Amino acid sequence: MDNVIFVSGIDTDAGKTYATAWLAKRYMEQGFSVATMKFIQTGNNGFSEDILAHRRIMGISPLPEDRDLTTSPVIFTYPASAQLAARIDGRDIDVASIDRSVETLSGRYDIVLVEGAGGLMVPIADDFFTVDYVASRNLPIIIVTNGILGSINHTVLSLEAIRSRGISLHSVIYNTYFDKDEIIAEDTRGFIDRYLQREFPASVMMVMPSVS
């Protein structure tokens, strides 16, 4: 499944949903068939609002795999971390169903983008985190960051977690939506770009505009 890329962020509200759809749209414009998928959806009942947002931003109608929940195989009702939401709903997190969805989509589309839930260290179980899922499935990863004060710290910590587990860093997407303080934003973007050039020279930083 070398056509599957996991998309995570430095925090819960880094802009993963928008970034996943924005990148999917770019790939579509290059002629690729693209499916996006939600790793684990919380705070919904029977549908994934993030998948609906993907299709809106991509400018397409729902996919057949949206209707049968292949693109959102695990949905919990409570808006919390995956582990807590699962416990509140009295259900387990069915990782096998996630794997089946990834495999199905990988066989049908040129590129599959899997949007994570929260950051890398969101627990799936007490001893198994989102980053462990990515590593165990040997998926390359995209990290979504921004220019909020503190983002350098969160970004570097995320990249160090990726490095320590031997995960391939596809790229970093810098989300300009949060560039409220231009001085901080410019410094953050510059620092992350230099850090990538030094520590992850095979990856790139993409700058995502706040309006598609």
N, C-alpha and C. Protein backbone atom coordinates (compact mmCIF):
# COMPACT_ATOMS: atom_id res chain seq x y z
N MET A 1 0.83 -1.20 0.00
CA MET A 1 0.00 0.00 0.00
C MET A 1 0.87 1.25 0.00
N ASP A 2 1.70 1.36 -1.02
CA ASP A 2 2.63 2.49 -1.09
C ASP A 2 1.94 3.76 -1.60
N ASN A 3 0.62 3.72 -1.80
CA ASN A 3 -0.11 4.91 -2.22
C ASN A 3 -0.93 5.52 -1.09
N VAL A 4 -0.66 5.11 0.14
CA VAL A 4 -1.39 5.60 1.32
C VAL A 4 -0.49 6.52 2.13
N ILE A 5 -1.01 7.70 2.49
CA ILE A 5 -0.26 8.66 3.31
C ILE A 5 -1.12 9.06 4.49
N PHE A 6 -0.55 9.03 5.68
CA PHE A 6 -1.26 9.42 6.89
C PHE A 6 -1.03 10.91 7.14
N VAL A 7 -2.10 11.63 7.50
CA VAL A 7 -2.00 13.07 7.77
C VAL A 7 -2.32 13.31 9.24
N SER A 8 -1.33 13.82 9.96
CA SER A 8 -1.53 14.14 11.37
C SER A 8 -1.20 15.61 11.59
N GLY A 9 -1.35 16.06 12.82
CA GLY A 9 -1.10 17.47 13.12
C GLY A 9 -0.38 17.62 14.44
N ILE A 10 0.05 18.85 14.70
CA ILE A 10 0.77 19.10 15.94
C ILE A 10 -0.18 19.20 17.12
N ASP A 11 -1.49 19.32 16.84
CA ASP A 11 -2.48 19.44 17.91
C ASP A 11 -3.85 19.15 17.31
N THR A 12 -4.86 19.16 18.14
CA THR A 12 -6.21 18.83 17.69
C THR A 12 -6.71 19.79 16.62
N ASP A 13 -6.46 21.07 16.77
CA ASP A 13 -7.00 22.07 15.85
C ASP A 13 -5.93 22.69 14.96
N ALA A 14 -5.02 21.88 14.48
CA ALA A 14 -3.95 22.41 13.63
C ALA A 14 -4.42 22.68 12.21
N GLY A 15 -5.54 22.07 11.81
CA GLY A 15 -6.04 22.26 10.45
C GLY A 15 -5.91 21.01 9.59
N LYS A 16 -5.93 19.82 10.21
CA LYS A 16 -5.74 18.57 9.47
C LYS A 16 -6.84 18.33 8.42
N THR A 17 -8.08 18.61 8.79
CA THR A 17 -9.19 18.34 7.88
C THR A 17 -9.05 19.17 6.61
N TYR A 18 -8.82 20.46 6.79
CA TYR A 18 -8.65 21.34 5.65
C TYR A 18 -7.43 20.93 4.83
N ALA A 19 -6.32 20.63 5.52
CA ALA A 19 -5.09 20.28 4.82
C ALA A 19 -5.24 18.99 4.02
N THR A 20 -5.91 18.01 4.60
CA THR A 20 -6.12 16.74 3.89
C THR A 20 -6.90 16.97 2.61
N ALA A 21 -7.98 17.75 2.70
CA ALA A 21 -8.81 18.01 1.52
C ALA A 21 -8.08 18.89 0.51
N TRP A 22 -7.35 19.87 1.00
CA TRP A 22 -6.58 20.76 0.12
C TRP A 22 -5.57 19.98 -0.69
N LEU A 23 -4.86 19.06 -0.03
CA LEU A 23 -3.86 18.26 -0.73
C LEU A 23 -4.53 17.29 -1.70
N ALA A 24 -5.66 16.72 -1.27
CA ALA A 24 -6.40 15.82 -2.16
C ALA A 24 -6.81 16.55 -3.44
N LYS A 25 -7.29 17.77 -3.29
CA LYS A 25 -7.69 18.56 -4.45
C LYS A 25 -6.51 18.83 -5.37
N ARG A 26 -5.36 19.11 -4.80
CA ARG A 26 -4.16 19.34 -5.61
C ARG A 26 -3.78 18.10 -6.41
N TYR A 27 -3.86 16.93 -5.75
CA TYR A 27 -3.55 15.69 -6.46
C TYR A 27 -4.56 15.44 -7.58
N MET A 28 -5.84 15.73 -7.30
CA MET A 28 -6.87 15.55 -8.33
C MET A 28 -6.59 16.44 -9.54
N GLU A 29 -6.15 17.66 -9.28
CA GLU A 29 -5.86 18.58 -10.37
C GLU A 29 -4.67 18.11 -11.22
N GLN A 30 -3.86 17.23 -10.63
CA GLN A 30 -2.73 16.64 -11.36
C GLN A 30 -3.13 15.37 -12.11
N GLY A 31 -4.40 15.00 -11.99
CA GLY A 31 -4.90 13.85 -12.74
C GLY A 31 -4.99 12.55 -11.97
N PHE A 32 -4.73 12.57 -10.67
CA PHE A 32 -4.81 11.35 -9.87
C PHE A 32 -6.23 11.14 -9.35
N SER A 33 -6.62 9.89 -9.19
CA SER A 33 -7.84 9.58 -8.45
C SER A 33 -7.46 9.53 -6.97
N VAL A 34 -8.26 10.22 -6.14
CA VAL A 34 -7.89 10.39 -4.73
C VAL A 34 -9.09 10.09 -3.84
N ALA A 35 -8.82 9.36 -2.77
CA ALA A 35 -9.81 9.17 -1.71
C ALA A 35 -9.21 9.65 -0.40
N THR A 36 -10.02 10.32 0.38
CA THR A 36 -9.60 10.67 1.74
C THR A 36 -10.39 9.80 2.71
N MET A 37 -9.80 9.58 3.87
CA MET A 37 -10.39 8.71 4.87
C MET A 37 -10.17 9.32 6.24
N LYS A 38 -11.09 9.12 7.14
CA LYS A 38 -10.94 9.56 8.53
C LYS A 38 -10.55 8.36 9.36
N PHE A 39 -9.42 8.46 10.03
CA PHE A 39 -8.87 7.37 10.83
C PHE A 39 -9.85 6.93 11.92
N ILE A 40 -10.21 7.85 12.80
CA ILE A 40 -11.23 7.65 13.82
C ILE A 40 -11.98 8.97 13.97
N GLN A 41 -13.31 8.92 13.89
CA GLN A 41 -14.13 10.11 14.03
C GLN A 41 -14.84 10.10 15.38
N THR A 42 -14.72 11.19 16.11
CA THR A 42 -15.46 11.32 17.36
C THR A 42 -16.41 12.51 17.27
N GLY A 43 -17.42 12.51 18.13
CA GLY A 43 -18.37 13.62 18.16
C GLY A 43 -19.42 13.58 17.07
N ASN A 44 -19.58 12.43 16.43
CA ASN A 44 -20.58 12.27 15.37
C ASN A 44 -21.38 11.00 15.62
N ASN A 45 -22.51 10.90 14.93
CA ASN A 45 -23.37 9.72 15.09
C ASN A 45 -23.84 9.27 13.71
N GLY A 46 -23.21 8.23 13.19
CA GLY A 46 -23.64 7.66 11.92
C GLY A 46 -23.02 8.26 10.69
N PHE A 47 -22.23 9.31 10.83
CA PHE A 47 -21.55 9.92 9.69
C PHE A 47 -20.31 10.63 10.19
N SER A 48 -19.43 11.00 9.27
CA SER A 48 -18.22 11.74 9.62
C SER A 48 -18.30 13.15 9.06
N GLU A 49 -18.35 14.14 9.94
CA GLU A 49 -18.40 15.52 9.47
C GLU A 49 -17.10 15.92 8.77
N ASP A 50 -16.00 15.28 9.14
CA ASP A 50 -14.73 15.59 8.48
C ASP A 50 -14.73 15.11 7.03
N ILE A 51 -15.32 13.95 6.79
CA ILE A 51 -15.42 13.46 5.41
C ILE A 51 -16.30 14.39 4.58
N LEU A 52 -17.39 14.86 5.16
CA LEU A 52 -18.24 15.82 4.44
C LEU A 52 -17.47 17.09 4.12
N ALA A 53 -16.63 17.55 5.06
CA ALA A 53 -15.80 18.73 4.82
C ALA A 53 -14.79 18.46 3.71
N HIS A 54 -14.21 17.27 3.70
CA HIS A 54 -13.27 16.92 2.63
C HIS A 54 -13.92 17.09 1.27
N ARG A 55 -15.12 16.51 1.10
CA ARG A 55 -15.76 16.54 -0.21
C ARG A 55 -16.13 17.98 -0.62
N ARG A 56 -16.56 18.77 0.36
CA ARG A 56 -16.89 20.16 0.06
C ARG A 56 -15.66 20.92 -0.42
N ILE A 57 -14.55 20.77 0.27
CA ILE A 57 -13.33 21.48 -0.09
C ILE A 57 -12.76 20.94 -1.41
N MET A 58 -12.88 19.64 -1.62
CA MET A 58 -12.40 19.03 -2.86
C MET A 58 -13.29 19.39 -4.04
N GLY A 59 -14.52 19.84 -3.75
CA GLY A 59 -15.44 20.23 -4.81
C GLY A 59 -16.07 19.06 -5.52
N ILE A 60 -16.29 17.95 -4.80
CA ILE A 60 -16.87 16.76 -5.40
C ILE A 60 -18.04 16.26 -4.57
N SER A 61 -18.83 15.39 -5.17
CA SER A 61 -19.93 14.74 -4.46
C SER A 61 -19.37 13.63 -3.58
N PRO A 62 -20.14 13.15 -2.62
CA PRO A 62 -19.68 12.01 -1.80
C PRO A 62 -19.28 10.83 -2.65
N LEU A 63 -18.25 10.14 -2.22
CA LEU A 63 -17.80 8.93 -2.90
C LEU A 63 -18.69 7.75 -2.52
N PRO A 64 -18.74 6.72 -3.35
CA PRO A 64 -19.48 5.51 -2.97
C PRO A 64 -19.01 4.96 -1.63
N GLU A 65 -17.71 5.09 -1.39
CA GLU A 65 -17.14 4.57 -0.14
C GLU A 65 -17.49 5.42 1.07
N ASP A 66 -18.00 6.64 0.83
CA ASP A 66 -18.51 7.45 1.94
C ASP A 66 -19.85 6.89 2.42
N ARG A 67 -20.64 6.46 1.47
CA ARG A 67 -21.99 6.02 1.79
C ARG A 67 -21.99 4.71 2.60
N ASP A 68 -21.03 3.84 2.33
CA ASP A 68 -20.99 2.59 3.09
C ASP A 68 -19.99 2.65 4.26
N LEU A 69 -19.50 3.88 4.55
CA LEU A 69 -18.62 4.16 5.70
C LEU A 69 -17.23 3.53 5.58
N THR A 70 -16.84 3.15 4.36
CA THR A 70 -15.46 2.69 4.18
C THR A 70 -14.48 3.80 4.52
N THR A 71 -14.84 5.04 4.21
CA THR A 71 -13.94 6.16 4.47
C THR A 71 -14.00 6.66 5.91
N SER A 72 -14.92 6.12 6.69
CA SER A 72 -15.00 6.48 8.12
C SER A 72 -15.47 5.27 8.92
N PRO A 73 -14.62 4.27 9.04
CA PRO A 73 -15.04 2.98 9.60
C PRO A 73 -15.27 2.98 11.11
N VAL A 74 -14.71 3.97 11.81
CA VAL A 74 -14.84 4.00 13.27
C VAL A 74 -15.37 5.37 13.68
N ILE A 75 -16.61 5.41 14.17
CA ILE A 75 -17.25 6.66 14.56
C ILE A 75 -17.79 6.52 15.99
N PHE A 76 -17.44 7.49 16.84
CA PHE A 76 -17.96 7.53 18.21
C PHE A 76 -18.74 8.83 18.41
N THR A 77 -19.69 8.80 19.32
CA THR A 77 -20.60 9.93 19.48
C THR A 77 -20.03 11.06 20.31
N TYR A 78 -19.17 10.74 21.28
CA TYR A 78 -18.72 11.78 22.21
C TYR A 78 -17.50 12.51 21.64
N PRO A 79 -17.48 13.85 21.69
CA PRO A 79 -16.36 14.62 21.15
C PRO A 79 -15.17 14.64 22.10
N ALA A 80 -14.42 13.56 22.09
CA ALA A 80 -13.27 13.43 22.99
C ALA A 80 -12.19 12.63 22.27
N SER A 81 -11.10 12.36 22.96
CA SER A 81 -10.06 11.52 22.39
C SER A 81 -10.63 10.15 22.07
N ALA A 82 -10.02 9.47 21.14
CA ALA A 82 -10.56 8.19 20.66
C ALA A 82 -10.77 7.19 21.79
N GLN A 83 -9.79 7.06 22.65
CA GLN A 83 -9.89 6.08 23.73
C GLN A 83 -11.05 6.41 24.67
N LEU A 84 -11.20 7.67 25.05
CA LEU A 84 -12.27 8.07 25.94
C LEU A 84 -13.63 7.95 25.25
N ALA A 85 -13.71 8.39 24.01
CA ALA A 85 -14.98 8.30 23.27
C ALA A 85 -15.43 6.85 23.14
N ALA A 86 -14.49 5.94 22.90
CA ALA A 86 -14.83 4.53 22.80
C ALA A 86 -15.36 4.01 24.12
N ARG A 87 -14.73 4.42 25.20
CA ARG A 87 -15.16 3.95 26.53
C ARG A 87 -16.55 4.48 26.86
N ILE A 88 -16.83 5.73 26.52
CA ILE A 88 -18.14 6.30 26.79
C ILE A 88 -19.23 5.57 25.98
N ASP A 89 -18.91 5.22 24.74
CA ASP A 89 -19.88 4.51 23.90
C ASP A 89 -19.95 3.02 24.22
N GLY A 90 -19.06 2.53 25.07
CA GLY A 90 -19.06 1.12 25.44
C GLY A 90 -18.63 0.21 24.31
N ARG A 91 -17.71 0.71 23.49
CA ARG A 91 -17.22 -0.08 22.36
C ARG A 91 -15.70 -0.07 22.33
N ASP A 92 -15.14 -1.04 21.63
CA ASP A 92 -13.71 -1.07 21.40
C ASP A 92 -13.39 -0.31 20.12
N ILE A 93 -12.14 0.12 20.00
CA ILE A 93 -11.68 0.71 18.74
C ILE A 93 -11.27 -0.43 17.82
N ASP A 94 -12.01 -0.60 16.75
CA ASP A 94 -11.80 -1.73 15.84
C ASP A 94 -10.71 -1.37 14.83
N VAL A 95 -9.47 -1.61 15.21
CA VAL A 95 -8.34 -1.28 14.33
C VAL A 95 -8.39 -2.13 13.07
N ALA A 96 -8.88 -3.35 13.17
CA ALA A 96 -8.96 -4.22 11.99
C ALA A 96 -9.86 -3.63 10.92
N SER A 97 -10.94 -2.96 11.33
CA SER A 97 -11.83 -2.34 10.34
C SER A 97 -11.15 -1.16 9.66
N ILE A 98 -10.30 -0.46 10.40
CA ILE A 98 -9.51 0.62 9.78
C ILE A 98 -8.58 0.05 8.73
N ASP A 99 -7.91 -1.04 9.08
CA ASP A 99 -7.01 -1.68 8.13
C ASP A 99 -7.75 -2.13 6.87
N ARG A 100 -8.93 -2.70 7.05
CA ARG A 100 -9.70 -3.16 5.89
C ARG A 100 -10.08 -1.99 4.98
N SER A 101 -10.47 -0.88 5.58
CA SER A 101 -10.83 0.30 4.79
C SER A 101 -9.62 0.83 4.02
N VAL A 102 -8.49 0.92 4.69
CA VAL A 102 -7.28 1.39 4.03
C VAL A 102 -6.94 0.49 2.85
N GLU A 103 -7.02 -0.80 3.05
CA GLU A 103 -6.70 -1.75 1.98
C GLU A 103 -7.67 -1.61 0.81
N THR A 104 -8.96 -1.48 1.12
CA THR A 104 -9.96 -1.34 0.07
C THR A 104 -9.72 -0.08 -0.76
N LEU A 105 -9.53 1.04 -0.09
CA LEU A 105 -9.32 2.30 -0.79
C LEU A 105 -8.02 2.29 -1.58
N SER A 106 -7.00 1.68 -1.01
CA SER A 106 -5.70 1.60 -1.69
C SER A 106 -5.81 0.87 -3.02
N GLY A 107 -6.71 -0.11 -3.08
CA GLY A 107 -6.87 -0.87 -4.31
C GLY A 107 -7.73 -0.18 -5.35
N ARG A 108 -8.45 0.86 -4.95
CA ARG A 108 -9.38 1.53 -5.87
C ARG A 108 -8.92 2.90 -6.33
N TYR A 109 -8.00 3.53 -5.60
CA TYR A 109 -7.60 4.91 -5.91
C TYR A 109 -6.09 5.01 -6.06
N ASP A 110 -5.67 6.01 -6.82
CA ASP A 110 -4.23 6.24 -7.01
C ASP A 110 -3.56 6.67 -5.70
N ILE A 111 -4.25 7.53 -4.95
CA ILE A 111 -3.70 8.08 -3.70
C ILE A 111 -4.78 8.05 -2.64
N VAL A 112 -4.40 7.63 -1.44
CA VAL A 112 -5.31 7.62 -0.29
C VAL A 112 -4.68 8.46 0.82
N LEU A 113 -5.41 9.46 1.30
CA LEU A 113 -4.96 10.30 2.41
C LEU A 113 -5.81 9.97 3.63
N VAL A 114 -5.16 9.53 4.69
CA VAL A 114 -5.85 9.14 5.92
C VAL A 114 -5.67 10.23 6.96
N GLU A 115 -6.74 10.95 7.26
CA GLU A 115 -6.66 12.01 8.27
C GLU A 115 -6.73 11.40 9.66
N GLY A 116 -5.77 11.73 10.50
CA GLY A 116 -5.75 11.23 11.87
C GLY A 116 -6.77 11.91 12.75
N ALA A 117 -6.75 11.54 14.02
CA ALA A 117 -7.65 12.13 15.02
C ALA A 117 -6.79 12.77 16.09
N GLY A 118 -6.73 14.10 16.11
CA GLY A 118 -5.85 14.76 17.06
C GLY A 118 -4.39 14.65 16.63
N GLY A 119 -3.51 14.65 17.60
CA GLY A 119 -2.08 14.58 17.32
C GLY A 119 -1.54 13.17 17.34
N LEU A 120 -0.24 13.07 17.22
CA LEU A 120 0.42 11.76 17.12
C LEU A 120 0.28 10.91 18.37
N MET A 121 0.23 11.54 19.53
CA MET A 121 0.21 10.78 20.77
C MET A 121 -1.19 10.58 21.34
N VAL A 122 -2.20 10.74 20.51
CA VAL A 122 -3.56 10.41 20.93
C VAL A 122 -3.63 8.90 21.16
N PRO A 123 -4.07 8.46 22.35
CA PRO A 123 -4.07 7.03 22.64
C PRO A 123 -5.21 6.28 21.96
N ILE A 124 -4.87 5.14 21.39
CA ILE A 124 -5.86 4.19 20.91
C ILE A 124 -6.13 3.17 22.02
N ALA A 125 -5.07 2.84 22.74
CA ALA A 125 -5.14 2.03 23.96
C ALA A 125 -4.11 2.60 24.92
N ASP A 126 -4.07 2.10 26.13
CA ASP A 126 -3.14 2.65 27.11
C ASP A 126 -1.69 2.56 26.64
N ASP A 127 -1.38 1.55 25.85
CA ASP A 127 0.00 1.34 25.43
C ASP A 127 0.15 1.37 23.91
N PHE A 128 -0.81 2.00 23.21
CA PHE A 128 -0.76 2.05 21.75
C PHE A 128 -1.32 3.39 21.29
N PHE A 129 -0.46 4.19 20.66
CA PHE A 129 -0.82 5.54 20.25
C PHE A 129 -0.99 5.62 18.73
N THR A 130 -1.55 6.73 18.27
CA THR A 130 -1.71 6.92 16.84
C THR A 130 -0.40 6.76 16.10
N VAL A 131 0.67 7.31 16.64
CA VAL A 131 1.97 7.21 15.99
C VAL A 131 2.43 5.76 15.89
N ASP A 132 2.01 4.93 16.83
CA ASP A 132 2.36 3.51 16.78
C ASP A 132 1.62 2.80 15.65
N TYR A 133 0.37 3.22 15.42
CA TYR A 133 -0.37 2.67 14.28
C TYR A 133 0.36 3.00 12.98
N VAL A 134 0.74 4.25 12.82
CA VAL A 134 1.42 4.67 11.60
C VAL A 134 2.72 3.88 11.40
N ALA A 135 3.48 3.73 12.48
CA ALA A 135 4.76 3.01 12.38
C ALA A 135 4.54 1.54 12.07
N SER A 136 3.56 0.92 12.73
CA SER A 136 3.35 -0.52 12.55
C SER A 136 2.82 -0.85 11.16
N ARG A 137 2.16 0.11 10.51
CA ARG A 137 1.68 -0.10 9.14
C ARG A 137 2.64 0.45 8.10
N ASN A 138 3.76 0.97 8.54
CA ASN A 138 4.81 1.47 7.65
C ASN A 138 4.29 2.52 6.67
N LEU A 139 3.50 3.46 7.21
CA LEU A 139 2.93 4.51 6.39
C LEU A 139 3.79 5.78 6.44
N PRO A 140 4.00 6.44 5.32
CA PRO A 140 4.61 7.77 5.38
C PRO A 140 3.62 8.74 6.00
N ILE A 141 4.13 9.85 6.51
CA ILE A 141 3.27 10.77 7.25
C ILE A 141 3.48 12.21 6.82
N ILE A 142 2.39 12.96 6.88
CA ILE A 142 2.42 14.41 6.70
C ILE A 142 2.04 15.04 8.03
N ILE A 143 2.78 16.06 8.44
CA ILE A 143 2.46 16.78 9.67
C ILE A 143 1.94 18.17 9.31
N VAL A 144 0.78 18.53 9.87
CA VAL A 144 0.20 19.85 9.66
C VAL A 144 0.56 20.73 10.85
N THR A 145 1.13 21.88 10.55
CA THR A 145 1.54 22.82 11.59
C THR A 145 1.01 24.21 11.25
N ASN A 146 1.31 25.17 12.10
CA ASN A 146 0.83 26.54 11.89
C ASN A 146 1.72 27.52 12.65
N GLY A 147 1.32 28.80 12.62
CA GLY A 147 2.15 29.84 13.21
C GLY A 147 1.71 30.32 14.57
N ILE A 148 0.90 29.54 15.27
CA ILE A 148 0.48 29.91 16.62
C ILE A 148 1.69 29.84 17.56
N LEU A 149 1.74 30.74 18.54
CA LEU A 149 2.82 30.72 19.52
C LEU A 149 2.86 29.36 20.20
N GLY A 150 4.01 28.71 20.18
CA GLY A 150 4.16 27.36 20.72
C GLY A 150 4.24 26.29 19.66
N SER A 151 3.97 26.66 18.41
CA SER A 151 3.96 25.66 17.34
C SER A 151 5.33 25.09 17.05
N ILE A 152 6.38 25.86 17.23
CA ILE A 152 7.72 25.31 17.01
C ILE A 152 7.95 24.13 17.95
N ASN A 153 7.64 24.32 19.22
CA ASN A 153 7.80 23.25 20.20
C ASN A 153 7.00 22.01 19.80
N HIS A 154 5.72 22.20 19.49
CA HIS A 154 4.85 21.07 19.16
C HIS A 154 5.31 20.39 17.86
N THR A 155 5.79 21.18 16.91
CA THR A 155 6.23 20.61 15.64
C THR A 155 7.48 19.77 15.82
N VAL A 156 8.46 20.31 16.54
CA VAL A 156 9.71 19.58 16.74
C VAL A 156 9.47 18.30 17.55
N LEU A 157 8.62 18.38 18.58
CA LEU A 157 8.30 17.18 19.35
C LEU A 157 7.65 16.12 18.46
N SER A 158 6.75 16.54 17.58
CA SER A 158 6.10 15.60 16.67
C SER A 158 7.12 14.97 15.72
N LEU A 159 8.01 15.78 15.19
CA LEU A 159 9.02 15.26 14.26
C LEU A 159 10.00 14.34 14.97
N GLU A 160 10.31 14.63 16.22
CA GLU A 160 11.20 13.74 16.97
C GLU A 160 10.52 12.40 17.24
N ALA A 161 9.21 12.41 17.51
CA ALA A 161 8.47 11.17 17.71
C ALA A 161 8.46 10.34 16.42
N ILE A 162 8.34 11.00 15.30
CA ILE A 162 8.38 10.33 14.00
C ILE A 162 9.74 9.70 13.77
N ARG A 163 10.79 10.46 14.03
CA ARG A 163 12.15 9.97 13.82
C ARG A 163 12.46 8.77 14.71
N SER A 164 12.03 8.86 15.97
CA SER A 164 12.36 7.79 16.92
C SER A 164 11.71 6.46 16.56
N ARG A 165 10.63 6.51 15.77
CA ARG A 165 9.94 5.28 15.37
C ARG A 165 10.25 4.87 13.94
N GLY A 166 11.15 5.57 13.30
CA GLY A 166 11.57 5.20 11.95
C GLY A 166 10.51 5.44 10.90
N ILE A 167 9.62 6.40 11.14
CA ILE A 167 8.56 6.71 10.18
C ILE A 167 9.10 7.65 9.10
N SER A 168 8.68 7.44 7.86
CA SER A 168 9.09 8.29 6.77
C SER A 168 8.25 9.57 6.76
N LEU A 169 8.92 10.71 6.83
CA LEU A 169 8.22 12.00 6.79
C LEU A 169 8.04 12.41 5.33
N HIS A 170 6.80 12.39 4.87
CA HIS A 170 6.49 12.80 3.50
C HIS A 170 6.70 14.30 3.34
N SER A 171 6.09 15.08 4.24
CA SER A 171 6.17 16.54 4.15
C SER A 171 5.55 17.17 5.39
N VAL A 172 5.72 18.47 5.50
CA VAL A 172 5.06 19.28 6.51
C VAL A 172 4.20 20.29 5.76
N ILE A 173 2.95 20.41 6.16
CA ILE A 173 2.06 21.43 5.60
C ILE A 173 1.92 22.55 6.61
N TYR A 174 2.30 23.74 6.21
CA TYR A 174 2.17 24.91 7.07
C TYR A 174 0.86 25.60 6.75
N ASN A 175 -0.03 25.67 7.73
CA ASN A 175 -1.37 26.23 7.57
C ASN A 175 -1.34 27.72 7.91
N THR A 176 -1.53 28.57 6.91
CA THR A 176 -1.44 30.02 7.12
C THR A 176 -2.69 30.61 7.77
N TYR A 177 -3.73 29.82 7.94
CA TYR A 177 -4.99 30.33 8.49
C TYR A 177 -4.79 31.00 9.85
N PHE A 178 -3.84 30.48 10.63
CA PHE A 178 -3.64 30.97 11.99
C PHE A 178 -2.58 32.06 12.08
N ASP A 179 -2.16 32.61 10.96
CA ASP A 179 -1.11 33.64 10.96
C ASP A 179 -1.68 34.99 11.40
N LYS A 180 -2.03 35.11 12.65
CA LYS A 180 -2.60 36.36 13.18
C LYS A 180 -1.52 37.36 13.56
N ASP A 181 -0.39 36.84 14.06
CA ASP A 181 0.76 37.69 14.39
C ASP A 181 1.83 37.41 13.35
N GLU A 182 2.03 38.33 12.43
CA GLU A 182 2.93 38.10 11.31
C GLU A 182 4.38 37.90 11.74
N ILE A 183 4.78 38.55 12.82
CA ILE A 183 6.16 38.40 13.30
C ILE A 183 6.39 36.98 13.78
N ILE A 184 5.47 36.47 14.61
CA ILE A 184 5.59 35.10 15.11
C ILE A 184 5.45 34.10 13.97
N ALA A 185 4.47 34.34 13.07
CA ALA A 185 4.23 33.42 11.97
C ALA A 185 5.46 33.31 11.06
N GLU A 186 6.06 34.44 10.72
CA GLU A 186 7.22 34.42 9.83
C GLU A 186 8.40 33.69 10.48
N ASP A 187 8.60 33.95 11.76
CA ASP A 187 9.70 33.28 12.46
C ASP A 187 9.44 31.78 12.56
N THR A 188 8.20 31.39 12.86
CA THR A 188 7.86 29.97 12.98
C THR A 188 8.06 29.25 11.66
N ARG A 189 7.55 29.83 10.60
CA ARG A 189 7.68 29.21 9.29
C ARG A 189 9.14 29.05 8.89
N GLY A 190 9.93 30.10 9.13
CA GLY A 190 11.34 30.05 8.79
C GLY A 190 12.10 29.01 9.60
N PHE A 191 11.80 28.93 10.90
CA PHE A 191 12.49 27.97 11.75
C PHE A 191 12.17 26.54 11.32
N ILE A 192 10.90 26.25 11.08
CA ILE A 192 10.50 24.89 10.70
C ILE A 192 11.12 24.51 9.36
N ASP A 193 11.15 25.44 8.43
CA ASP A 193 11.76 25.18 7.13
C ASP A 193 13.24 24.85 7.29
N ARG A 194 13.96 25.62 8.10
CA ARG A 194 15.39 25.35 8.32
C ARG A 194 15.59 24.02 9.03
N TYR A 195 14.73 23.74 9.99
CA TYR A 195 14.82 22.47 10.73
C TYR A 195 14.64 21.28 9.78
N LEU A 196 13.68 21.38 8.88
CA LEU A 196 13.46 20.29 7.92
C LEU A 196 14.65 20.12 6.99
N GLN A 197 15.17 21.22 6.50
CA GLN A 197 16.32 21.13 5.59
C GLN A 197 17.51 20.45 6.27
N ARG A 198 17.65 20.70 7.56
CA ARG A 198 18.78 20.13 8.30
C ARG A 198 18.53 18.69 8.74
N GLU A 199 17.35 18.43 9.28
CA GLU A 199 17.08 17.14 9.92
C GLU A 199 16.31 16.16 9.03
N PHE A 200 15.52 16.67 8.09
CA PHE A 200 14.73 15.80 7.20
C PHE A 200 14.87 16.31 5.77
N PRO A 201 16.08 16.25 5.21
CA PRO A 201 16.32 16.86 3.90
C PRO A 201 15.53 16.23 2.76
N ALA A 202 15.02 15.03 2.94
CA ALA A 202 14.26 14.38 1.87
C ALA A 202 12.80 14.84 1.83
N SER A 203 12.37 15.58 2.85
CA SER A 203 10.99 16.04 2.90
C SER A 203 10.92 17.52 2.49
N VAL A 204 9.68 18.01 2.35
CA VAL A 204 9.49 19.40 1.95
C VAL A 204 8.44 20.04 2.86
N MET A 205 8.41 21.37 2.85
CA MET A 205 7.34 22.09 3.53
C MET A 205 6.46 22.75 2.49
N MET A 206 5.16 22.45 2.55
CA MET A 206 4.18 23.08 1.69
C MET A 206 3.44 24.14 2.47
N VAL A 207 3.22 25.29 1.87
CA VAL A 207 2.50 26.37 2.53
C VAL A 207 1.07 26.38 2.00
N MET A 208 0.14 26.20 2.89
CA MET A 208 -1.27 26.10 2.51
C MET A 208 -1.97 27.43 2.75
N PRO A 209 -2.59 27.99 1.73
CA PRO A 209 -3.31 29.26 1.93
C PRO A 209 -4.55 29.03 2.78
N SER A 210 -5.04 30.08 3.38
CA SER A 210 -6.20 29.98 4.26
C SER A 210 -7.51 29.87 3.50
N VAL A 211 -7.48 30.19 2.21
CA VAL A 211 -8.67 30.09 1.37
C VAL A 211 -8.31 29.23 0.17
N SER A 212 -9.16 28.20 -0.10
CA SER A 212 -8.87 27.30 -1.22
C SER A 212 -9.12 27.99 -2.56
